[in-house]
N, C-alpha and C. Protein backbone atom coordinates (compact mmCIF):
# COMPACT_ATOMS: atom_id res chain seq x y z
N MET A 1 0.88 -1.30 0.02
CA MET A 1 -0.19 -0.04 0.04
C MET A 1 1.10 1.17 0.15
N SER A 2 0.35 2.45 -0.77
CA SER A 2 1.55 3.40 -0.91
C SER A 2 1.30 4.19 0.39
N TYR A 3 2.24 4.97 0.63
CA TYR A 3 2.05 5.97 1.70
C TYR A 3 2.91 7.33 1.41
N ILE A 4 2.22 8.14 2.51
CA ILE A 4 3.01 9.46 2.34
C ILE A 4 4.10 9.66 3.19
N LEU A 5 5.08 10.35 2.51
CA LEU A 5 6.48 10.56 3.38
C LEU A 5 6.72 11.87 3.35
N SER A 6 6.96 12.61 4.71
CA SER A 6 7.23 13.96 4.76
C SER A 6 8.47 14.47 5.45
N PHE A 7 9.24 15.67 4.81
CA PHE A 7 10.36 16.24 5.46
C PHE A 7 10.02 17.59 5.88
N GLY A 8 10.41 17.80 7.20
CA GLY A 8 10.23 19.38 7.41
C GLY A 8 10.83 19.60 8.89
N ASP A 9 10.29 20.61 9.62
CA ASP A 9 10.78 21.04 10.67
C ASP A 9 9.63 20.97 11.73
N CYS A 10 9.79 21.86 12.73
CA CYS A 10 8.95 21.65 13.88
C CYS A 10 7.29 21.74 13.59
N ASN A 11 7.06 22.71 12.56
CA ASN A 11 5.37 22.91 12.08
C ASN A 11 5.25 21.70 11.34
N MET A 12 5.84 20.80 10.66
CA MET A 12 5.28 19.28 10.13
C MET A 12 5.06 18.48 11.49
N LEU A 13 6.65 18.41 12.10
CA LEU A 13 6.32 17.52 13.42
C LEU A 13 5.02 17.76 14.19
N GLY A 14 4.87 19.03 14.49
CA GLY A 14 3.82 19.19 15.50
C GLY A 14 4.41 19.38 17.16
N VAL A 15 3.87 20.56 17.55
CA VAL A 15 4.62 20.76 18.85
C VAL A 15 3.24 20.75 20.01
N LYS A 16 3.76 20.59 21.32
CA LYS A 16 2.76 20.22 22.22
C LYS A 16 1.66 19.31 21.92
N GLU A 17 0.51 19.31 21.96
CA GLU A 17 -0.57 18.32 21.80
C GLU A 17 -0.74 17.91 20.63
N TYR A 18 0.08 18.51 19.73
CA TYR A 18 0.00 18.57 18.04
C TYR A 18 1.01 17.45 17.55
N TYR A 19 1.85 16.96 18.51
CA TYR A 19 3.18 16.23 18.12
C TYR A 19 2.76 14.81 17.43
N LYS A 20 3.02 14.61 16.34
CA LYS A 20 2.81 13.62 15.36
C LYS A 20 1.26 13.78 15.13
N ASN A 21 0.37 14.85 15.01
CA ASN A 21 -0.85 15.00 14.79
C ASN A 21 -0.98 16.43 13.91
N SER A 22 0.03 16.61 13.22
CA SER A 22 -0.08 17.75 12.10
C SER A 22 -0.65 17.63 11.03
N TYR A 23 -0.46 18.29 9.93
CA TYR A 23 -1.19 18.15 8.80
C TYR A 23 -0.91 17.21 8.01
N VAL A 24 0.33 16.57 8.34
CA VAL A 24 0.66 15.11 7.76
C VAL A 24 -0.19 14.28 8.02
N GLU A 25 -0.62 13.92 9.28
CA GLU A 25 -1.35 12.64 9.57
C GLU A 25 -2.62 13.11 9.16
N ARG A 26 -2.92 14.29 9.30
CA ARG A 26 -4.58 14.46 8.82
C ARG A 26 -4.66 14.58 7.62
N PHE A 27 -3.84 14.66 6.51
CA PHE A 27 -3.92 14.53 5.20
C PHE A 27 -3.69 13.17 4.76
N ALA A 28 -3.18 12.43 5.35
CA ALA A 28 -3.07 10.86 5.18
C ALA A 28 -4.50 10.29 5.61
N LYS A 29 -4.96 10.73 6.65
CA LYS A 29 -6.15 10.03 7.17
C LYS A 29 -7.33 10.39 6.02
N LYS A 30 -7.26 11.56 5.27
CA LYS A 30 -8.23 11.94 4.67
C LYS A 30 -8.10 11.11 3.34
N LEU A 31 -7.16 10.53 3.10
CA LEU A 31 -6.88 9.53 2.09
C LEU A 31 -6.72 8.07 2.07
N SER A 32 -7.04 7.80 3.55
CA SER A 32 -6.90 6.40 3.93
C SER A 32 -5.61 5.90 3.75
N LYS A 33 -4.56 6.70 3.63
CA LYS A 33 -3.16 6.02 3.57
C LYS A 33 -2.30 6.23 5.11
N SER A 34 -1.27 5.59 4.86
CA SER A 34 -0.45 5.53 6.18
C SER A 34 0.78 6.82 5.80
N CYS A 35 1.42 7.15 6.88
CA CYS A 35 2.57 7.96 6.61
C CYS A 35 3.64 8.05 7.31
N ASN A 36 4.49 8.64 6.96
CA ASN A 36 6.08 8.78 7.83
C ASN A 36 6.39 9.93 8.18
N ASN A 37 6.15 10.66 9.24
CA ASN A 37 6.43 12.08 9.33
C ASN A 37 7.73 12.23 10.04
N LEU A 38 8.59 12.80 8.70
CA LEU A 38 10.03 13.02 9.41
C LEU A 38 10.43 14.60 9.58
N GLY A 39 9.32 14.99 10.14
CA GLY A 39 9.41 16.38 10.68
C GLY A 39 10.49 16.41 11.89
N TYR A 40 11.19 17.39 11.95
CA TYR A 40 12.28 17.65 13.40
C TYR A 40 12.61 18.72 13.58
N THR A 41 12.56 18.99 14.94
CA THR A 41 12.63 20.34 15.41
C THR A 41 14.00 20.90 15.13
N MET A 42 13.95 22.25 14.81
CA MET A 42 15.20 22.91 14.62
C MET A 42 15.77 22.41 12.92
N ALA A 43 15.11 21.56 12.46
CA ALA A 43 15.50 20.97 10.95
C ALA A 43 15.92 21.95 9.81
N THR A 44 16.62 21.83 9.26
CA THR A 44 17.02 22.71 8.05
C THR A 44 16.87 21.60 6.88
N THR A 45 17.18 21.99 5.54
CA THR A 45 17.43 21.16 4.52
C THR A 45 18.77 20.73 4.48
N ARG A 46 19.68 20.93 5.36
CA ARG A 46 20.65 20.06 5.72
C ARG A 46 20.43 18.72 6.16
N GLU A 47 19.80 18.96 7.39
CA GLU A 47 19.12 17.72 8.11
C GLU A 47 18.40 16.78 6.83
N MET A 48 17.58 17.41 6.07
CA MET A 48 16.63 16.78 5.29
C MET A 48 17.52 15.59 4.11
N ILE A 49 18.58 16.26 3.75
CA ILE A 49 19.36 15.27 3.07
C ILE A 49 19.97 13.79 3.82
N TYR A 50 20.10 14.00 5.15
CA TYR A 50 20.40 12.68 5.76
C TYR A 50 19.20 11.79 5.93
N PHE A 51 17.67 12.57 6.14
CA PHE A 51 16.59 12.11 6.13
C PHE A 51 16.18 11.19 5.18
N PHE A 52 16.50 11.61 4.11
CA PHE A 52 16.03 11.31 2.61
C PHE A 52 16.92 9.79 2.06
N HIS A 53 18.19 9.96 2.58
CA HIS A 53 19.12 8.95 2.33
C HIS A 53 18.59 7.66 2.99
N ASN A 54 17.99 7.87 4.22
CA ASN A 54 17.65 6.70 5.12
C ASN A 54 16.25 6.17 4.92
N TYR A 55 15.45 6.61 3.88
CA TYR A 55 14.21 6.00 3.84
C TYR A 55 13.92 4.98 2.81
N ASN A 56 13.00 4.20 2.78
CA ASN A 56 12.45 2.95 1.94
C ASN A 56 11.82 3.54 0.94
N GLU A 57 12.17 3.76 -0.39
CA GLU A 57 11.19 4.38 -1.37
C GLU A 57 10.10 3.61 -2.01
N ASP A 58 10.21 2.38 -1.70
CA ASP A 58 9.29 1.22 -2.49
C ASP A 58 8.12 1.81 -2.74
N GLU A 59 7.52 1.87 -1.64
CA GLU A 59 5.74 2.36 -1.76
C GLU A 59 5.51 3.86 -1.32
N VAL A 60 6.49 4.55 -1.42
CA VAL A 60 5.86 5.94 -1.30
C VAL A 60 5.39 6.50 -2.49
N GLU A 61 4.36 7.27 -2.41
CA GLU A 61 3.75 7.80 -3.30
C GLU A 61 3.88 9.28 -3.56
N VAL A 62 3.88 9.98 -2.36
CA VAL A 62 3.68 11.38 -2.11
C VAL A 62 4.74 11.65 -1.20
N ILE A 63 5.53 12.58 -1.48
CA ILE A 63 6.66 13.35 -0.84
C ILE A 63 6.43 14.64 -0.43
N LEU A 64 6.03 15.13 0.96
CA LEU A 64 5.93 16.52 1.42
C LEU A 64 7.19 17.07 1.85
N ILE A 65 7.39 18.36 1.54
CA ILE A 65 8.68 19.11 1.85
C ILE A 65 8.34 20.44 2.39
N GLN A 66 8.69 20.60 3.72
CA GLN A 66 8.21 21.86 4.28
C GLN A 66 9.42 22.57 5.18
N TYR A 67 10.35 23.24 4.38
CA TYR A 67 11.48 23.75 5.35
C TYR A 67 11.67 25.42 4.65
N GLY A 68 12.29 26.08 5.91
CA GLY A 68 12.41 27.50 5.73
C GLY A 68 12.55 28.18 6.69
N LEU A 69 11.67 27.75 7.69
CA LEU A 69 11.55 28.49 9.12
C LEU A 69 13.11 28.81 9.62
N VAL A 70 13.76 27.59 9.55
CA VAL A 70 15.24 28.04 10.35
C VAL A 70 16.14 28.33 9.01
N ASP A 71 16.19 27.67 7.94
CA ASP A 71 16.75 27.94 6.94
C ASP A 71 17.10 29.57 6.57
N SER A 72 15.79 30.05 6.89
CA SER A 72 15.67 31.90 6.27
C SER A 72 16.20 32.72 7.60
N TRP A 73 16.80 32.05 8.78
CA TRP A 73 16.72 33.01 9.95
C TRP A 73 18.22 33.54 9.79
N LYS A 74 18.14 34.78 9.78
CA LYS A 74 19.57 35.40 9.88
C LYS A 74 20.25 35.41 11.34
N THR A 75 21.49 35.16 11.05
CA THR A 75 22.40 34.91 12.11
C THR A 75 23.77 35.63 12.06
N PHE A 76 24.74 35.59 13.14
CA PHE A 76 25.80 36.10 13.02
C PHE A 76 26.48 35.34 11.70
N LYS A 77 27.23 36.05 10.69
CA LYS A 77 28.02 35.69 9.79
C LYS A 77 28.91 34.48 9.83
N TYR A 78 29.61 34.53 10.96
CA TYR A 78 30.82 33.87 11.26
C TYR A 78 30.48 32.91 11.96
N ALA A 79 29.25 32.53 12.62
CA ALA A 79 28.91 31.29 13.56
C ALA A 79 28.72 30.13 12.71
N PRO A 80 29.48 29.00 13.31
CA PRO A 80 29.31 27.61 12.50
C PRO A 80 27.98 26.99 12.58
N TYR A 81 27.54 26.40 11.76
CA TYR A 81 26.42 25.45 11.86
C TYR A 81 26.56 24.08 12.23
N VAL A 82 26.03 23.64 13.10
CA VAL A 82 26.10 22.27 13.74
C VAL A 82 24.87 21.55 13.30
N LEU A 83 24.78 20.38 12.98
CA LEU A 83 23.68 19.43 12.37
C LEU A 83 22.84 19.00 13.70
N TYR A 84 21.39 19.12 13.54
CA TYR A 84 20.56 18.64 14.55
C TYR A 84 20.43 17.07 14.28
N TYR A 85 20.48 16.75 13.09
CA TYR A 85 20.24 15.25 12.84
C TYR A 85 21.44 14.92 11.79
N PRO A 86 22.09 13.68 11.83
CA PRO A 86 22.20 12.82 13.08
C PRO A 86 22.64 13.69 14.21
N ASP A 87 22.17 13.29 15.40
CA ASP A 87 22.64 14.06 16.83
C ASP A 87 23.55 13.18 17.49
N ASN A 88 24.21 13.93 18.38
CA ASN A 88 24.93 13.36 19.60
C ASN A 88 25.32 14.18 20.37
N LYS A 89 25.90 13.54 21.67
CA LYS A 89 26.25 14.49 22.76
C LYS A 89 27.27 15.42 22.69
N PHE A 90 28.16 15.09 21.70
CA PHE A 90 29.33 16.00 21.16
C PHE A 90 28.58 17.21 20.44
N ARG A 91 27.59 17.19 19.67
CA ARG A 91 27.10 18.03 18.85
C ARG A 91 26.32 19.21 19.77
N LYS A 92 25.52 18.38 20.91
CA LYS A 92 24.80 19.24 21.51
C LYS A 92 25.55 20.05 22.50
N ILE A 93 26.59 19.68 22.95
CA ILE A 93 27.59 20.44 23.54
C ILE A 93 28.21 21.59 22.76
N TYR A 94 28.61 21.32 21.42
CA TYR A 94 28.96 22.43 20.55
C TYR A 94 28.09 23.34 20.14
N ARG A 95 26.84 22.71 20.16
CA ARG A 95 25.85 23.95 19.63
C ARG A 95 25.56 25.10 21.06
N LYS A 96 25.70 24.52 22.18
CA LYS A 96 25.56 25.41 23.57
C LYS A 96 26.49 26.58 23.11
N ILE A 97 27.97 25.84 23.07
CA ILE A 97 28.81 26.76 22.91
C ILE A 97 28.73 27.99 21.84
N ILE A 98 28.36 27.15 20.56
CA ILE A 98 27.94 28.20 19.45
C ILE A 98 26.81 29.22 19.77
N LYS A 99 25.80 28.94 20.50
CA LYS A 99 24.97 29.75 20.87
C LYS A 99 25.27 30.91 21.74
N LYS A 100 26.10 30.48 22.81
CA LYS A 100 26.71 31.74 23.73
C LYS A 100 27.58 32.60 22.88
N TYR A 101 28.32 31.81 21.88
CA TYR A 101 29.30 32.72 20.84
C TYR A 101 28.31 33.69 20.22
N LYS A 102 27.33 33.09 19.76
CA LYS A 102 26.51 34.50 18.81
C LYS A 102 25.84 35.04 19.87
N LYS A 103 25.30 34.93 21.00
CA LYS A 103 24.79 35.80 21.82
C LYS A 103 25.95 36.92 22.27
N ILE A 104 27.17 36.40 22.56
CA ILE A 104 28.25 37.47 22.79
C ILE A 104 28.46 38.33 21.40
N ALA A 105 28.43 37.82 20.45
CA ALA A 105 28.70 38.35 19.02
C ALA A 105 27.43 39.43 19.05
N LYS A 106 26.44 39.21 19.44
CA LYS A 106 25.27 40.13 19.38
C LYS A 106 25.44 41.22 20.20
N SER A 107 25.85 40.92 21.36
CA SER A 107 26.00 41.67 22.42
C SER A 107 26.93 42.81 22.22
N LEU A 108 28.30 42.34 21.32
CA LEU A 108 29.36 43.28 21.07
C LEU A 108 29.01 43.98 19.77
N LYS A 109 27.71 44.06 19.27
CA LYS A 109 27.29 44.53 18.20
C LYS A 109 27.96 44.01 16.77
N LEU A 110 28.57 42.85 16.96
CA LEU A 110 29.37 42.28 15.52
C LEU A 110 28.46 41.79 14.53
N ASN A 111 27.39 41.63 14.76
CA ASN A 111 26.25 41.48 13.91
C ASN A 111 26.22 42.52 12.85
N ASP A 112 26.30 43.83 13.23
CA ASP A 112 26.20 44.99 12.58
C ASP A 112 27.42 45.31 11.99
N ILE A 113 28.50 44.95 12.69
CA ILE A 113 29.87 45.20 12.46
C ILE A 113 30.19 44.29 11.07
N LEU A 114 30.18 43.35 11.13
CA LEU A 114 30.81 42.12 10.23
C LEU A 114 29.51 41.44 9.47
N GLY A 115 28.31 41.66 10.20
CA GLY A 115 27.05 41.13 9.17
C GLY A 115 26.80 39.81 9.34
N THR A 116 25.43 39.52 8.76
CA THR A 116 24.58 38.59 9.15
C THR A 116 24.56 37.53 7.73
N GLN A 117 24.03 36.36 8.20
CA GLN A 117 23.84 35.74 6.70
C GLN A 117 22.38 34.63 7.25
N ASN A 118 21.95 34.11 6.29
CA ASN A 118 20.89 33.10 6.41
C ASN A 118 21.71 31.83 7.10
N VAL A 119 20.94 30.99 7.91
CA VAL A 119 21.60 29.76 8.43
C VAL A 119 21.80 28.88 7.36
N VAL A 120 20.96 28.87 6.19
CA VAL A 120 21.30 27.91 5.05
C VAL A 120 20.75 28.91 3.83
N PRO A 121 22.21 29.24 2.97
CA PRO A 121 21.94 30.17 2.35
C PRO A 121 21.22 29.81 0.99
N LEU A 122 20.27 30.90 0.48
CA LEU A 122 19.31 30.74 -0.34
C LEU A 122 19.70 29.66 -1.66
N ASN A 123 20.92 29.75 -2.37
CA ASN A 123 21.39 28.97 -3.27
C ASN A 123 21.60 27.56 -2.70
N GLU A 124 22.17 27.24 -1.57
CA GLU A 124 22.09 25.79 -1.08
C GLU A 124 20.85 25.31 -0.72
N TYR A 125 19.82 26.16 -0.18
CA TYR A 125 18.50 25.60 0.25
C TYR A 125 17.97 25.20 -1.08
N LYS A 126 17.88 25.80 -2.19
CA LYS A 126 17.27 25.41 -3.48
C LYS A 126 18.12 24.09 -3.81
N ASP A 127 19.35 23.99 -3.86
CA ASP A 127 20.18 22.78 -4.37
C ASP A 127 19.91 21.48 -3.56
N ASN A 128 19.58 21.88 -2.39
CA ASN A 128 19.42 20.75 -1.19
C ASN A 128 17.71 20.05 -1.80
N ILE A 129 16.82 21.09 -1.89
CA ILE A 129 15.58 20.57 -2.28
C ILE A 129 15.52 20.05 -3.58
N GLU A 130 16.31 20.44 -4.54
CA GLU A 130 16.41 20.07 -5.95
C GLU A 130 16.68 18.72 -5.94
N ASN A 131 17.98 18.54 -5.18
CA ASN A 131 18.73 17.19 -5.22
C ASN A 131 17.42 16.08 -4.76
N ILE A 132 16.48 16.58 -3.72
CA ILE A 132 15.57 15.43 -3.49
C ILE A 132 14.49 15.41 -4.71
N ILE A 133 14.18 16.34 -5.48
CA ILE A 133 13.20 15.93 -6.55
C ILE A 133 13.84 15.34 -7.73
N LYS A 134 15.07 15.56 -7.91
CA LYS A 134 15.70 14.83 -8.94
C LYS A 134 15.89 13.14 -8.79
N ASN A 135 16.32 12.75 -7.23
CA ASN A 135 16.35 11.68 -7.04
C ASN A 135 14.91 11.01 -6.50
N ALA A 136 13.73 11.64 -6.87
CA ALA A 136 12.78 11.01 -6.64
C ALA A 136 11.55 11.44 -7.75
N GLU A 137 11.93 11.19 -8.96
CA GLU A 137 11.24 11.36 -10.03
C GLU A 137 10.04 10.98 -10.46
N ASP A 138 9.54 9.62 -9.64
CA ASP A 138 8.55 8.72 -9.96
C ASP A 138 7.52 9.07 -8.80
N LYS A 139 7.79 10.20 -8.00
CA LYS A 139 6.96 10.49 -6.89
C LYS A 139 6.32 11.53 -7.08
N ILE A 140 4.99 12.07 -6.29
CA ILE A 140 4.33 13.31 -6.49
C ILE A 140 5.16 13.97 -5.17
N ILE A 141 5.75 15.09 -5.65
CA ILE A 141 6.37 16.24 -4.60
C ILE A 141 5.61 17.41 -4.43
N ILE A 142 5.29 17.82 -3.13
CA ILE A 142 4.43 18.76 -2.96
C ILE A 142 5.16 19.75 -1.91
N LEU A 143 5.81 20.80 -2.29
CA LEU A 143 6.45 21.87 -1.81
C LEU A 143 5.48 22.72 -0.95
N ILE A 144 5.64 22.77 0.36
CA ILE A 144 4.61 23.66 1.22
C ILE A 144 5.39 24.94 1.56
N ASP A 145 4.49 25.98 1.41
CA ASP A 145 5.01 27.23 2.00
C ASP A 145 5.42 27.16 3.62
N THR A 146 6.61 27.92 3.87
CA THR A 146 6.58 28.22 5.24
C THR A 146 5.89 29.18 5.48
N VAL A 147 5.07 29.20 6.65
CA VAL A 147 4.17 30.46 7.00
C VAL A 147 4.80 31.58 7.53
N PRO A 148 4.26 32.61 7.52
CA PRO A 148 4.90 33.85 8.27
C PRO A 148 4.79 33.77 9.52
N ASN A 149 5.96 34.33 10.30
CA ASN A 149 6.04 34.61 11.52
C ASN A 149 5.56 35.67 12.31
N HIS A 150 5.03 35.58 13.73
CA HIS A 150 4.83 37.05 14.39
C HIS A 150 5.75 37.81 14.34
N GLN A 151 7.04 37.21 14.44
CA GLN A 151 8.10 38.36 14.30
C GLN A 151 8.25 38.89 13.03
N LEU A 152 7.64 39.95 12.56
CA LEU A 152 7.27 40.47 11.30
C LEU A 152 8.42 40.64 10.34
N ASP A 153 9.59 40.96 11.14
CA ASP A 153 10.69 41.23 10.47
C ASP A 153 11.63 40.13 9.61
N ARG A 154 11.07 38.84 10.17
CA ARG A 154 11.52 37.64 9.59
C ARG A 154 10.81 37.52 8.29
N ASN A 155 9.60 38.08 8.04
CA ASN A 155 8.80 37.51 6.84
C ASN A 155 9.54 37.93 5.51
N SER A 156 10.18 38.86 5.35
CA SER A 156 10.87 39.23 4.11
C SER A 156 11.77 37.96 3.69
N GLU A 157 12.73 37.50 4.62
CA GLU A 157 13.41 36.40 4.10
C GLU A 157 12.73 35.05 3.84
N ILE A 158 11.60 34.77 4.67
CA ILE A 158 10.75 33.61 4.52
C ILE A 158 10.10 33.65 3.07
N MET A 159 9.68 34.80 2.92
CA MET A 159 8.95 35.15 1.63
C MET A 159 10.16 34.53 0.25
N LYS A 160 11.45 35.00 0.43
CA LYS A 160 12.50 34.66 -0.53
C LYS A 160 12.72 33.21 -0.77
N TYR A 161 12.37 32.50 0.52
CA TYR A 161 12.49 31.12 0.35
C TYR A 161 11.35 30.27 -0.42
N ASN A 162 10.05 30.96 0.22
CA ASN A 162 9.00 30.50 -0.64
C ASN A 162 8.90 30.73 -2.31
N ILE A 163 9.68 31.69 -2.57
CA ILE A 163 9.67 32.10 -4.13
C ILE A 163 10.45 30.92 -4.74
N VAL A 164 11.63 30.48 -3.91
CA VAL A 164 12.45 29.40 -4.49
C VAL A 164 11.36 28.03 -4.87
N LEU A 165 10.32 27.61 -3.65
CA LEU A 165 9.79 26.53 -4.07
C LEU A 165 8.95 26.71 -5.18
N SER A 166 8.40 28.07 -5.24
CA SER A 166 7.31 28.18 -6.68
C SER A 166 8.38 27.99 -7.95
N GLU A 167 9.63 28.60 -7.99
CA GLU A 167 10.54 28.40 -9.14
C GLU A 167 10.78 26.75 -9.27
N LEU A 168 10.66 26.03 -8.24
CA LEU A 168 11.27 24.48 -8.16
C LEU A 168 9.85 23.72 -8.83
N SER A 169 8.61 24.20 -8.68
CA SER A 169 7.30 23.67 -8.77
C SER A 169 7.24 23.78 -10.18
N LYS A 170 7.64 24.90 -11.01
CA LYS A 170 7.37 25.12 -12.11
C LYS A 170 8.44 24.52 -13.12
N LYS A 171 9.49 24.28 -12.68
CA LYS A 171 10.66 23.31 -13.31
C LYS A 171 10.40 22.21 -13.20
N TYR A 172 10.01 21.42 -12.60
CA TYR A 172 9.64 19.86 -12.59
C TYR A 172 8.29 19.44 -12.76
N SER A 173 8.11 18.38 -13.69
CA SER A 173 6.78 18.11 -13.81
C SER A 173 5.97 17.35 -12.50
N ASN A 174 6.95 16.57 -11.96
CA ASN A 174 6.36 15.84 -10.76
C ASN A 174 6.21 16.74 -9.65
N CYS A 175 6.40 17.97 -9.48
CA CYS A 175 6.51 18.65 -8.27
C CYS A 175 5.36 19.95 -8.22
N TYR A 176 4.86 19.81 -7.18
CA TYR A 176 3.44 20.77 -6.90
C TYR A 176 3.84 21.96 -5.73
N LYS A 177 3.27 23.06 -5.72
CA LYS A 177 3.45 23.90 -4.78
C LYS A 177 2.14 24.24 -3.90
N LEU A 178 2.14 24.09 -2.56
CA LEU A 178 1.04 24.33 -1.91
C LEU A 178 1.07 25.90 -1.26
N ASP A 179 0.46 26.64 -1.74
CA ASP A 179 0.51 28.35 -1.68
C ASP A 179 -0.49 28.54 -0.05
N ILE A 180 0.40 28.72 1.02
CA ILE A 180 -0.33 28.89 2.17
C ILE A 180 0.14 30.20 3.03
N TYR A 181 1.18 30.60 2.52
CA TYR A 181 1.43 31.91 3.27
C TYR A 181 0.53 32.89 3.36
N ASP A 182 -0.12 33.47 2.34
CA ASP A 182 -0.85 34.52 2.42
C ASP A 182 -2.13 34.42 3.31
N ILE A 183 -2.62 33.19 3.38
CA ILE A 183 -3.92 32.90 4.18
C ILE A 183 -3.47 33.05 5.65
N PHE A 184 -2.22 32.36 6.02
CA PHE A 184 -1.76 32.48 7.40
C PHE A 184 -1.53 33.89 7.86
N LEU A 185 -0.80 34.68 7.18
CA LEU A 185 -0.82 36.16 7.08
C LEU A 185 -1.76 36.89 7.36
N GLU A 186 -2.98 36.45 6.97
CA GLU A 186 -4.16 36.99 7.02
C GLU A 186 -4.97 36.72 8.45
N HIS A 187 -4.40 35.60 8.92
CA HIS A 187 -5.00 35.09 9.70
C HIS A 187 -3.90 34.81 10.99
N LEU A 188 -3.15 35.79 11.40
CA LEU A 188 -2.02 35.58 12.35
C LEU A 188 -2.61 35.29 13.77
N ASN A 189 -3.79 35.76 14.07
CA ASN A 189 -4.35 35.66 15.42
C ASN A 189 -5.21 34.33 15.65
N ASP A 190 -5.44 33.66 14.34
CA ASP A 190 -6.37 32.67 14.74
C ASP A 190 -5.57 31.08 14.30
N TYR A 191 -4.46 31.24 13.65
CA TYR A 191 -3.77 29.94 13.07
C TYR A 191 -2.49 29.39 14.01
N TYR A 192 -2.14 29.92 14.98
CA TYR A 192 -0.91 29.87 15.68
C TYR A 192 -1.21 29.57 17.47
N LEU A 193 -0.09 28.77 17.60
CA LEU A 193 -0.16 28.29 19.13
C LEU A 193 0.67 29.66 19.78
N ASP A 194 1.40 30.28 19.18
CA ASP A 194 2.59 31.16 19.43
C ASP A 194 2.94 31.94 18.46
N GLN A 195 4.27 32.59 18.50
CA GLN A 195 4.47 33.50 17.50
C GLN A 195 5.07 32.55 16.07
N THR A 196 5.39 31.43 16.40
CA THR A 196 5.87 30.57 15.12
C THR A 196 5.16 29.21 14.93
N HIS A 197 4.53 28.51 15.75
CA HIS A 197 4.07 27.07 15.61
C HIS A 197 2.50 27.23 15.58
N ILE A 198 2.02 26.19 14.44
CA ILE A 198 0.55 26.02 14.44
C ILE A 198 -0.28 25.57 14.89
N ASN A 199 -1.34 26.03 14.99
CA ASN A 199 -2.44 25.17 15.90
C ASN A 199 -3.27 24.46 15.19
N ASP A 200 -4.57 23.85 16.10
CA ASP A 200 -5.31 22.81 15.32
C ASP A 200 -6.04 23.77 14.06
N LYS A 201 -6.47 24.87 14.22
CA LYS A 201 -7.13 25.33 13.03
C LYS A 201 -6.15 25.51 11.73
N GLY A 202 -5.03 25.68 11.97
CA GLY A 202 -4.19 25.96 11.08
C GLY A 202 -3.76 24.66 10.33
N TYR A 203 -3.61 23.51 11.19
CA TYR A 203 -3.49 22.18 10.54
C TYR A 203 -4.61 21.87 9.78
N SER A 204 -5.61 21.90 10.02
CA SER A 204 -6.86 21.83 9.53
C SER A 204 -7.34 22.58 8.17
N ILE A 205 -6.87 23.56 8.09
CA ILE A 205 -6.69 24.32 6.93
C ILE A 205 -5.65 23.77 5.67
N ILE A 206 -4.35 23.49 6.34
CA ILE A 206 -3.40 22.72 5.51
C ILE A 206 -3.67 21.61 5.02
N SER A 207 -4.27 20.42 5.95
CA SER A 207 -4.73 19.47 5.35
C SER A 207 -5.64 19.47 4.38
N ASP A 208 -6.68 20.14 4.62
CA ASP A 208 -7.84 20.45 3.55
C ASP A 208 -7.06 20.84 2.29
N LYS A 209 -6.29 21.61 2.15
CA LYS A 209 -5.73 22.33 0.99
C LYS A 209 -4.87 21.29 0.30
N LEU A 210 -4.09 20.32 0.99
CA LEU A 210 -3.42 19.38 0.56
C LEU A 210 -4.15 18.18 -0.29
N GLU A 211 -5.41 18.11 0.53
CA GLU A 211 -6.15 17.05 0.05
C GLU A 211 -6.60 17.44 -1.49
N LYS A 212 -6.93 18.64 -1.48
CA LYS A 212 -7.62 19.50 -2.67
C LYS A 212 -6.43 19.31 -3.61
N LEU A 213 -5.35 19.61 -3.31
CA LEU A 213 -4.17 19.48 -4.50
C LEU A 213 -3.95 18.27 -4.88
N TYR A 214 -4.00 17.21 -4.11
CA TYR A 214 -3.50 15.89 -4.61
C TYR A 214 -4.62 15.50 -5.27
N LEU A 215 -5.99 15.62 -5.20
CA LEU A 215 -7.20 15.01 -5.87
C LEU A 215 -6.88 15.89 -7.50
N SER A 216 -6.61 17.19 -7.22
CA SER A 216 -6.46 17.63 -8.49
C SER A 216 -5.21 17.13 -9.51
N ILE A 217 -4.40 16.93 -8.96
CA ILE A 217 -3.21 16.08 -9.25
C ILE A 217 -3.59 14.75 -10.09
N LYS A 218 -4.06 14.14 -9.22
CA LYS A 218 -4.73 12.73 -9.63
C LYS A 218 -5.77 12.64 -11.00
N GLU A 219 -6.29 13.80 -11.11
CA GLU A 219 -7.14 13.89 -12.12
C GLU A 219 -6.58 14.42 -13.55
N GLN A 220 -5.41 14.96 -13.38
CA GLN A 220 -4.70 15.30 -14.65
C GLN A 220 -4.34 14.22 -15.46
């Protein structure tokens, strides 16, 4: 039986009472399919590559991809990145050191002096997702917008990363885009648990839209 495979960050995984009950599980239930939700807290498209190489592709019909929240985050230009997956105790310690380092850099205004950059640069973000698309040509791939953040100054970067998803969906015939940024922007007070994470209403909206998109794809 075919199933749904998903790669994404905390909003795909679901936080608090929505852990493993996000739009992925709801979408799968609508289609009477099973799913493997590989959403992961703080994950970027760098972690996605590791997840992708470990999955069994035989019965996968649909791949959902939703990254950008962390990838687009602006941080100190000279701060190294430590993968969250695969994780170990040394990486956890290293991340704590890096976090303190970035805090000191910000307090010394080094961000202003030496500059900032996205956690995952835009070109790398595109290459990482394109790598998955090229290696899953026989699958339906749905790229999902990163929703806007209540910290409004973050949204200009998030929009740039969503544009990349639109470009990729137009480039590959097996690839489709789910546009949800605008509707979440209109409902900042309705679809969120907090500044970042999606609530029950938000997940229901996304799963409904995924179902409609999937059915339209199957009709083609």
